[in-house]
Amino acid sequence: MNALAAAGIYLALDVNTPKYSINQESPAKSYNAEYLQSLFATIDAFHGYSNTLLFFSGNEVINSVPTTISAPYVKAVTRDLKQYIGNRQYRSIPVGYSAADIDDNRVETAHYMNCGTDDERSDFFAFNDYSWCDPSSYQTSTWEQKVKAFSNYSIPIFLSEYGCVKTTRKFQEVATLYGSQMTAVYSGGLVYEYSKEGTAAPGNLYGLVDVSGNGVSELNDFTALQSAFQSTPIPTGDGGYNANGSPSTCPTKSDSWLVSGDALPAMPAQASQYFKSGAGKGPGLAGGGSQDAGAGSSGTASAGSGKPTTTGTSSGASGSSSSKSSATSGMQDFSLGPLVCGLVVAMSSLVGAMLL
């Protein structure tokens, strides 16, 4: 993290790992105290770095119509993370969801994560969009329709992944993403991804660089993205974004959205102990997993119950040492009005877990 800070790089971190995450097919069972302990411990480890930009409460958990049943549990995780940050008296770090680009329920997911009481609403909404494949355009890529669909959305929205590999990547979408057609609605995006994964497609097609031992080799995509950024003016002002901050209306139950209303599961009772004393050491990648750990929610939460009560203290907590603060003193905390992302996906939840 200190090396990233020295290079002026901020971190957008998914707090989940493969073994400690919501199971989209069995969300109620996987939403349990052991799972939340892992997430809270990750926040403990990273909140003290001023270049921690935001936390993702989940990534593509909802990726079909049947998996919309997991939406209340993902939203409950967002609520719990926000409450934990508040009760531990950490600095305000945005929490939101990274969605799949699913035509059936993309808009419903976005409005669901932004409806209800403030304690359960996301601070931002992001989705992974690979619909622009060079050569393309604002209209051909379907980006125009998506911008129109989100034109009145009241929290920051950005692309948590982009960069289609079906054709040679020239990253022509960069000019449009940061141009006047989109900046009133979108707050930029994260290119997928920094380093090439493995030797087989499709994982080896996305990397901007190839990492081998201590060596890093720039690939053609790196040069293409560099050129795209260099030729695109940096957006100025607020872009005319929607500043009213009003909640969305919750989507109604339908053939493509299997959730009724905005009732959320109550946080598992055993997890509340961490609000006062912190979560302790997280399991990282060595843990056995939490999806079948039990001790889940015992009922439905009342509206507004996730509001922080500031009963905890951040003194002595992991991640808040003066050495970390001083190491990143040159970084600026981000606000969300508006947020502009122009980053590359370089660190995943696996990297975060390895640092716990």
Protein backbone atom coordinates (compact mmCIF):
# COMPACT_ATOMS: atom_id res chain seq x y z
CA MET A 1 0.00 0.00 0.00
CA ASN A 2 2.84 2.40 0.77
CA ALA A 3 4.42 1.67 -2.61
CA LEU A 4 1.09 2.40 -4.29
CA ALA A 5 0.75 5.63 -2.34
CA ALA A 6 4.25 6.71 -3.34
CA ALA A 7 3.17 6.28 -6.97
CA GLY A 8 -0.06 8.24 -6.42
CA ILE A 9 -2.26 5.14 -6.79
CA TYR A 10 -5.51 4.59 -4.89
CA LEU A 11 -7.00 1.19 -4.05
CA ALA A 12 -10.57 0.06 -4.75
CA LEU A 13 -10.86 -3.15 -2.73
CA ASP A 14 -13.36 -6.01 -2.82
CA VAL A 15 -13.51 -7.18 0.79
CA ASN A 16 -14.67 -10.68 -0.24
CA THR A 17 -12.56 -13.70 -1.14
CA PRO A 18 -13.73 -16.88 -2.89
CA LYS A 19 -14.19 -18.76 0.38
CA TYR A 20 -15.57 -15.80 2.34
CA SER A 21 -18.38 -14.45 0.21
CA ILE A 22 -22.14 -14.62 -0.35
CA ASN A 23 -23.20 -17.83 -2.11
CA GLN A 24 -25.66 -16.63 -4.76
CA GLU A 25 -27.51 -19.95 -4.68
CA SER A 26 -27.72 -20.12 -0.88
CA PRO A 27 -27.40 -16.52 0.31
CA ALA A 28 -29.12 -16.88 3.68
CA LYS A 29 -26.78 -19.64 4.86
CA SER A 30 -23.64 -17.86 3.68
CA TYR A 31 -24.59 -14.56 5.36
CA ASN A 32 -23.21 -15.36 8.81
CA ALA A 33 -21.02 -14.00 11.60
CA GLU A 34 -17.86 -15.80 10.49
CA TYR A 35 -18.20 -14.26 7.04
CA LEU A 36 -18.66 -10.77 8.46
CA GLN A 37 -15.64 -11.21 10.74
CA SER A 38 -13.49 -11.72 7.65
CA LEU A 39 -14.91 -8.61 5.98
CA PHE A 40 -14.58 -6.46 9.10
CA ALA A 41 -10.97 -7.62 9.60
CA THR A 42 -10.20 -6.53 6.04
CA ILE A 43 -11.57 -3.08 6.80
CA ASP A 44 -9.46 -2.98 9.97
CA ALA A 45 -6.37 -3.71 7.89
CA PHE A 46 -6.99 -1.13 5.16
CA HIS A 47 -8.90 1.81 6.66
CA GLY A 48 -5.75 3.47 7.98
CA TYR A 49 -4.23 3.93 4.55
CA SER A 50 -5.28 7.25 3.06
CA ASN A 51 -5.03 5.77 -0.45
CA THR A 52 -7.82 3.28 0.27
CA LEU A 53 -10.42 4.78 -2.03
CA LEU A 54 -13.46 2.55 -1.50
CA PHE A 55 -14.71 -0.92 -0.58
CA PHE A 56 -16.80 -3.21 -2.77
CA SER A 57 -19.33 -5.21 -0.75
CA GLY A 58 -19.63 -7.72 -3.58
CA ASN A 59 -18.87 -8.36 -7.23
CA GLU A 60 -21.33 -9.92 -9.71
CA VAL A 61 -23.16 -11.89 -7.03
CA ILE A 62 -26.32 -11.15 -9.00
CA ASN A 63 -25.63 -12.32 -12.56
CA SER A 64 -28.94 -13.82 -13.68
CA VAL A 65 -32.65 -13.65 -12.89
CA PRO A 66 -32.58 -16.56 -10.38
CA THR A 67 -29.67 -15.03 -8.45
CA THR A 68 -31.62 -11.84 -7.73
CA ILE A 69 -32.72 -13.66 -4.55
CA SER A 70 -29.29 -12.82 -3.16
CA ALA A 71 -29.83 -9.04 -3.50
CA PRO A 72 -31.10 -8.47 0.08
CA TYR A 73 -28.02 -10.20 1.48
CA VAL A 74 -25.59 -8.20 -0.66
CA LYS A 75 -27.36 -5.02 0.40
CA ALA A 76 -27.24 -6.13 4.04
CA VAL A 77 -23.46 -6.53 3.70
CA THR A 78 -23.22 -2.96 2.42
CA ARG A 79 -25.23 -1.80 5.43
CA ASP A 80 -23.08 -3.81 7.85
CA LEU A 81 -19.80 -2.51 6.42
CA LYS A 82 -20.99 1.08 6.63
CA GLN A 83 -22.13 0.55 10.21
CA TYR A 84 -18.85 -1.10 11.16
CA ILE A 85 -16.83 1.81 9.73
CA GLY A 86 -19.02 4.26 11.61
CA ASN A 87 -19.03 2.41 14.92
CA ARG A 88 -15.28 1.94 14.82
CA GLN A 89 -15.00 5.71 14.22
CA TYR A 90 -12.85 5.23 11.14
CA ARG A 91 -12.67 7.88 8.46
CA SER A 92 -15.56 7.81 6.02
CA ILE A 93 -14.73 5.34 3.23
CA PRO A 94 -17.38 4.74 0.55
CA VAL A 95 -18.99 1.29 0.31
CA GLY A 96 -20.87 0.05 -2.74
CA TYR A 97 -21.54 -2.84 -5.10
CA SER A 98 -19.93 -3.97 -8.36
CA ALA A 99 -22.63 -5.48 -10.59
CA ALA A 100 -22.71 -7.67 -13.67
CA ASP A 101 -23.88 -6.04 -16.89
CA ILE A 102 -27.12 -8.02 -17.21
CA ASP A 103 -29.81 -6.59 -19.49
CA ASP A 104 -32.60 -8.33 -17.54
CA ASN A 105 -31.97 -6.50 -14.27
CA ARG A 106 -29.06 -4.03 -14.53
CA VAL A 107 -31.29 -1.03 -13.81
CA GLU A 108 -33.29 -2.87 -11.13
CA THR A 109 -30.09 -3.79 -9.32
CA ALA A 110 -28.86 -0.20 -9.43
CA HIS A 111 -32.10 1.22 -8.01
CA TYR A 112 -32.34 -1.53 -5.39
CA MET A 113 -28.90 -0.65 -4.05
CA ASN A 114 -29.95 3.01 -3.84
CA CYS A 115 -33.42 2.70 -2.31
CA GLY A 116 -34.53 2.64 1.31
CA THR A 117 -33.01 4.33 4.34
CA ASP A 118 -29.60 6.02 4.17
CA ASP A 119 -27.90 3.41 6.35
CA GLU A 120 -28.57 0.67 3.80
CA ARG A 121 -28.08 2.62 0.58
CA SER A 122 -24.84 2.19 -1.32
CA ASP A 123 -22.45 5.15 -1.47
CA PHE A 124 -21.88 4.36 -5.15
CA PHE A 125 -22.90 1.83 -7.78
CA ALA A 126 -20.58 0.24 -10.34
CA PHE A 127 -20.92 -2.41 -13.01
CA ASN A 128 -18.62 -4.40 -15.29
CA ASP A 129 -19.26 -3.41 -18.91
CA TYR A 130 -17.52 -5.03 -21.88
CA SER A 131 -20.05 -3.96 -24.51
CA TRP A 132 -17.70 -1.50 -26.27
CA CYS A 133 -15.48 -3.58 -28.58
CA ASP A 134 -13.24 -1.51 -30.86
CA PRO A 135 -14.06 -0.17 -33.34
CA SER A 136 -17.35 1.02 -31.89
CA SER A 137 -19.24 4.16 -30.91
CA TYR A 138 -21.37 5.69 -28.18
CA GLN A 139 -24.48 4.48 -29.98
CA THR A 140 -23.33 1.08 -31.30
CA SER A 141 -21.88 -0.03 -27.98
CA THR A 142 -25.24 0.52 -26.18
CA TRP A 143 -23.55 3.05 -23.91
CA GLU A 144 -25.96 5.75 -25.04
CA GLN A 145 -28.97 3.71 -23.86
CA LYS A 146 -27.32 2.97 -20.53
CA VAL A 147 -26.49 6.63 -19.91
CA LYS A 148 -30.11 7.54 -20.59
CA ALA A 149 -31.31 4.84 -18.19
CA PHE A 150 -29.13 6.28 -15.40
CA SER A 151 -29.59 9.97 -16.20
CA ASN A 152 -31.46 10.65 -12.94
CA TYR A 153 -29.45 8.31 -10.73
CA SER A 154 -28.49 10.09 -7.54
CA ILE A 155 -25.27 8.40 -6.37
CA PRO A 156 -21.95 8.10 -8.25
CA ILE A 157 -21.92 5.40 -10.91
CA PHE A 158 -18.82 4.11 -12.68
CA LEU A 159 -17.52 1.10 -14.59
CA SER A 160 -15.80 -1.31 -12.22
CA GLU A 161 -14.39 -3.18 -15.24
CA TYR A 162 -14.12 -2.38 -18.93
CA GLY A 163 -11.95 -3.32 -21.89
CA CYS A 164 -13.42 -5.80 -24.41
CA VAL A 165 -10.94 -8.35 -25.82
CA LYS A 166 -13.09 -9.70 -28.66
CA THR A 167 -11.18 -7.36 -30.98
CA THR A 168 -7.80 -5.62 -30.77
CA ARG A 169 -8.02 -3.16 -27.91
CA LYS A 170 -7.40 0.46 -28.86
CA PHE A 171 -9.36 1.79 -25.86
CA GLN A 172 -11.28 4.20 -28.06
CA GLU A 173 -13.99 4.21 -25.39
CA VAL A 174 -11.78 6.30 -23.09
CA ALA A 175 -12.50 9.49 -25.03
CA THR A 176 -16.25 8.89 -24.77
CA LEU A 177 -16.21 7.77 -21.13
CA TYR A 178 -14.48 10.99 -20.09
CA GLY A 179 -16.25 13.17 -22.66
CA SER A 180 -19.26 15.46 -22.33
CA GLN A 181 -21.74 12.76 -23.38
CA MET A 182 -21.08 10.72 -20.25
CA THR A 183 -19.48 12.75 -17.47
CA ALA A 184 -22.80 14.17 -16.27
CA VAL A 185 -23.83 10.61 -15.38
CA TYR A 186 -20.77 8.35 -15.17
CA SER A 187 -17.69 8.88 -13.01
CA GLY A 188 -15.17 7.11 -15.20
CA GLY A 189 -14.11 3.51 -14.84
CA LEU A 190 -11.49 0.87 -14.09
CA VAL A 191 -9.71 -0.87 -16.97
CA TYR A 192 -9.44 -4.65 -16.64
CA GLU A 193 -6.68 -5.49 -15.92
CA TYR A 194 -3.12 -4.65 -14.93
CA SER A 195 -1.28 -7.98 -15.26
CA LYS A 196 -1.85 -10.93 -17.56
CA GLU A 197 -3.26 -14.01 -15.84
CA GLY A 198 -1.80 -17.37 -16.84
CA THR A 199 -1.22 -18.58 -20.39
CA ALA A 200 -4.71 -19.64 -21.51
CA ALA A 201 -7.54 -17.55 -22.93
CA PRO A 202 -9.48 -15.64 -21.88
CA GLY A 203 -7.49 -14.85 -18.73
CA ASN A 204 -4.29 -14.10 -20.62
CA LEU A 205 -5.99 -11.62 -22.98
CA TYR A 206 -6.75 -8.80 -20.54
CA GLY A 207 -3.38 -7.88 -19.07
CA LEU A 208 -1.67 -4.57 -19.78
CA VAL A 209 1.64 -5.96 -18.57
CA ASP A 210 3.25 -9.36 -18.10
CA VAL A 211 4.75 -9.97 -14.67
CA SER A 212 7.50 -12.56 -14.46
CA GLY A 213 9.37 -12.81 -11.17
CA ASN A 214 10.53 -9.29 -10.38
CA GLY A 215 10.26 -8.19 -13.99
CA VAL A 216 7.38 -6.31 -15.63
CA SER A 217 7.00 -6.13 -19.41
CA GLU A 218 4.61 -3.66 -21.01
CA LEU A 219 2.27 -5.24 -23.56
CA ASN A 220 0.59 -3.67 -26.60
CA ASP A 221 -2.54 -2.93 -24.58
CA PHE A 222 -0.48 -0.85 -22.15
CA THR A 223 0.72 1.39 -24.95
CA ALA A 224 -2.79 1.62 -26.42
CA LEU A 225 -4.31 2.65 -23.09
CA GLN A 226 -1.50 5.10 -22.39
CA SER A 227 -2.12 6.75 -25.75
CA ALA A 228 -5.87 6.88 -25.15
CA PHE A 229 -5.42 8.59 -21.78
CA GLN A 230 -2.83 11.03 -23.12
CA SER A 231 -5.12 12.14 -25.93
CA THR A 232 -8.21 12.55 -23.73
CA PRO A 233 -8.65 15.83 -21.82
CA ILE A 234 -9.14 15.48 -18.08
CA PRO A 235 -12.76 16.33 -17.18
CA THR A 236 -13.21 19.61 -15.32
CA GLY A 237 -15.95 20.88 -13.05
CA ASP A 238 -18.74 18.65 -11.80
CA GLY A 239 -20.00 17.55 -15.22
CA GLY A 240 -23.52 18.62 -14.34
CA TYR A 241 -24.09 15.56 -12.17
CA ASN A 242 -27.32 14.97 -10.24
CA ALA A 243 -26.62 16.51 -6.83
CA ASN A 244 -29.98 16.02 -5.13
CA GLY A 245 -29.00 12.70 -3.54
CA SER A 246 -32.60 11.45 -3.39
CA PRO A 247 -33.06 7.70 -2.91
CA SER A 248 -34.30 5.60 -5.80
CA THR A 249 -37.68 3.89 -5.73
CA CYS A 250 -37.25 0.20 -4.95
CA PRO A 251 -38.01 -2.03 -7.95
CA THR A 252 -41.18 -4.09 -7.83
CA LYS A 253 -41.14 -7.86 -7.97
CA SER A 254 -41.33 -9.14 -11.54
CA ASP A 255 -40.29 -11.97 -13.84
CA SER A 256 -36.77 -10.48 -13.97
CA TRP A 257 -36.54 -9.29 -10.34
CA LEU A 258 -37.48 -11.86 -7.70
CA VAL A 259 -37.29 -9.59 -4.66
CA SER A 260 -40.29 -7.87 -3.11
CA GLY A 261 -39.84 -4.59 -1.23
CA ASP A 262 -36.75 -3.55 0.71
CA ALA A 263 -36.79 -5.77 3.80
CA LEU A 264 -33.25 -6.84 4.70
CA PRO A 265 -32.01 -9.63 6.96
CA ALA A 266 -30.87 -8.53 10.39
CA MET A 267 -27.14 -8.71 10.96
CA PRO A 268 -26.17 -12.02 12.64
CA ALA A 269 -26.17 -11.33 16.37
CA GLN A 270 -22.69 -12.73 16.99
CA ALA A 271 -21.19 -10.17 14.62
CA SER A 272 -22.22 -7.19 16.75
CA GLN A 273 -19.37 -7.86 19.21
CA TYR A 274 -16.89 -6.59 16.61
CA PHE A 275 -18.37 -3.09 16.68
CA LYS A 276 -16.85 -2.44 20.08
CA SER A 277 -13.52 -4.26 20.06
CA GLY A 278 -12.72 -4.77 16.37
CA ALA A 279 -12.72 -7.95 14.34
CA GLY A 280 -9.23 -9.20 15.17
CA LYS A 281 -7.10 -11.12 12.70
CA GLY A 282 -8.81 -12.14 9.49
CA PRO A 283 -8.57 -15.61 7.95
CA GLY A 284 -6.98 -14.36 4.73
CA LEU A 285 -6.50 -17.07 2.12
CA ALA A 286 -5.67 -19.76 4.69
CA GLY A 287 -9.13 -19.96 6.24
CA GLY A 288 -11.49 -22.84 5.68
CA GLY A 289 -14.31 -20.67 4.38
CA SER A 290 -17.54 -19.29 5.80
CA GLN A 291 -20.31 -20.22 3.39
CA ASP A 292 -21.42 -23.16 5.54
CA ALA A 293 -20.42 -21.70 8.91
CA GLY A 294 -23.93 -21.14 10.24
CA ALA A 295 -24.86 -18.54 12.88
CA GLY A 296 -26.75 -16.52 10.29
CA SER A 297 -29.47 -13.90 10.52
CA SER A 298 -32.35 -14.63 12.87
CA GLY A 299 -34.92 -12.31 11.34
CA THR A 300 -35.70 -9.15 9.42
CA ALA A 301 -34.04 -5.84 10.27
CA SER A 302 -36.09 -2.77 11.05
CA ALA A 303 -35.62 0.19 8.72
CA GLY A 304 -32.75 2.41 9.86
CA SER A 305 -31.29 -0.16 12.27
CA GLY A 306 -27.92 -0.03 10.53
CA LYS A 307 -27.19 3.55 11.54
CA PRO A 308 -23.83 3.74 13.36
CA THR A 309 -24.01 4.22 17.11
CA THR A 310 -20.29 5.12 17.49
CA THR A 311 -19.82 2.80 20.45
CA GLY A 312 -16.36 1.64 19.40
CA THR A 313 -12.97 3.25 19.26
CA SER A 314 -10.34 3.14 16.56
CA SER A 315 -7.39 3.55 18.94
CA GLY A 316 -4.95 0.70 18.61
CA ALA A 317 -6.92 -0.91 15.79
CA SER A 318 -5.11 -2.73 13.03
CA GLY A 319 -4.43 -0.47 10.08
CA SER A 320 -4.57 2.83 11.97
CA SER A 321 -0.98 3.18 13.10
CA SER A 322 0.85 6.45 12.76
CA SER A 323 3.42 4.83 10.48
CA LYS A 324 0.73 4.04 7.93
CA SER A 325 -0.76 7.49 8.20
CA SER A 326 2.56 9.22 7.73
CA ALA A 327 3.56 6.96 4.86
CA THR A 328 0.53 8.09 2.90
CA SER A 329 0.30 11.66 4.10
CA GLY A 330 0.64 12.92 0.53
CA MET A 331 -2.58 11.23 -0.55
CA GLN A 332 -5.90 13.05 -0.46
CA ASP A 333 -9.13 11.55 0.85
CA PHE A 334 -11.79 11.31 -1.85
CA SER A 335 -15.29 12.70 -1.61
CA LEU A 336 -18.16 11.34 -3.68
CA GLY A 337 -19.59 14.43 -5.26
CA PRO A 338 -18.60 13.72 -7.92
CA LEU A 339 -16.21 10.77 -7.94
CA VAL A 340 -14.02 10.38 -11.02
CA CYS A 341 -12.24 7.06 -11.55
CA GLY A 342 -9.50 6.69 -14.14
CA LEU A 343 -7.72 3.65 -12.85
CA VAL A 344 -6.63 0.14 -13.78
CA VAL A 345 -7.82 -2.92 -11.89
CA ALA A 346 -4.53 -3.88 -10.31
CA MET A 347 -5.39 -5.42 -6.94
CA SER A 348 -8.14 -7.92 -6.29
CA SER A 349 -9.66 -9.22 -3.10
CA LEU A 350 -7.07 -12.01 -3.19
CA VAL A 351 -4.26 -9.47 -2.86
CA GLY A 352 -6.13 -7.79 -0.02
CA ALA A 353 -6.49 -11.09 1.79
CA MET A 354 -2.80 -11.85 1.40
CA LEU A 355 -1.96 -8.64 3.27
CA LEU A 356 -4.09 -9.49 6.32
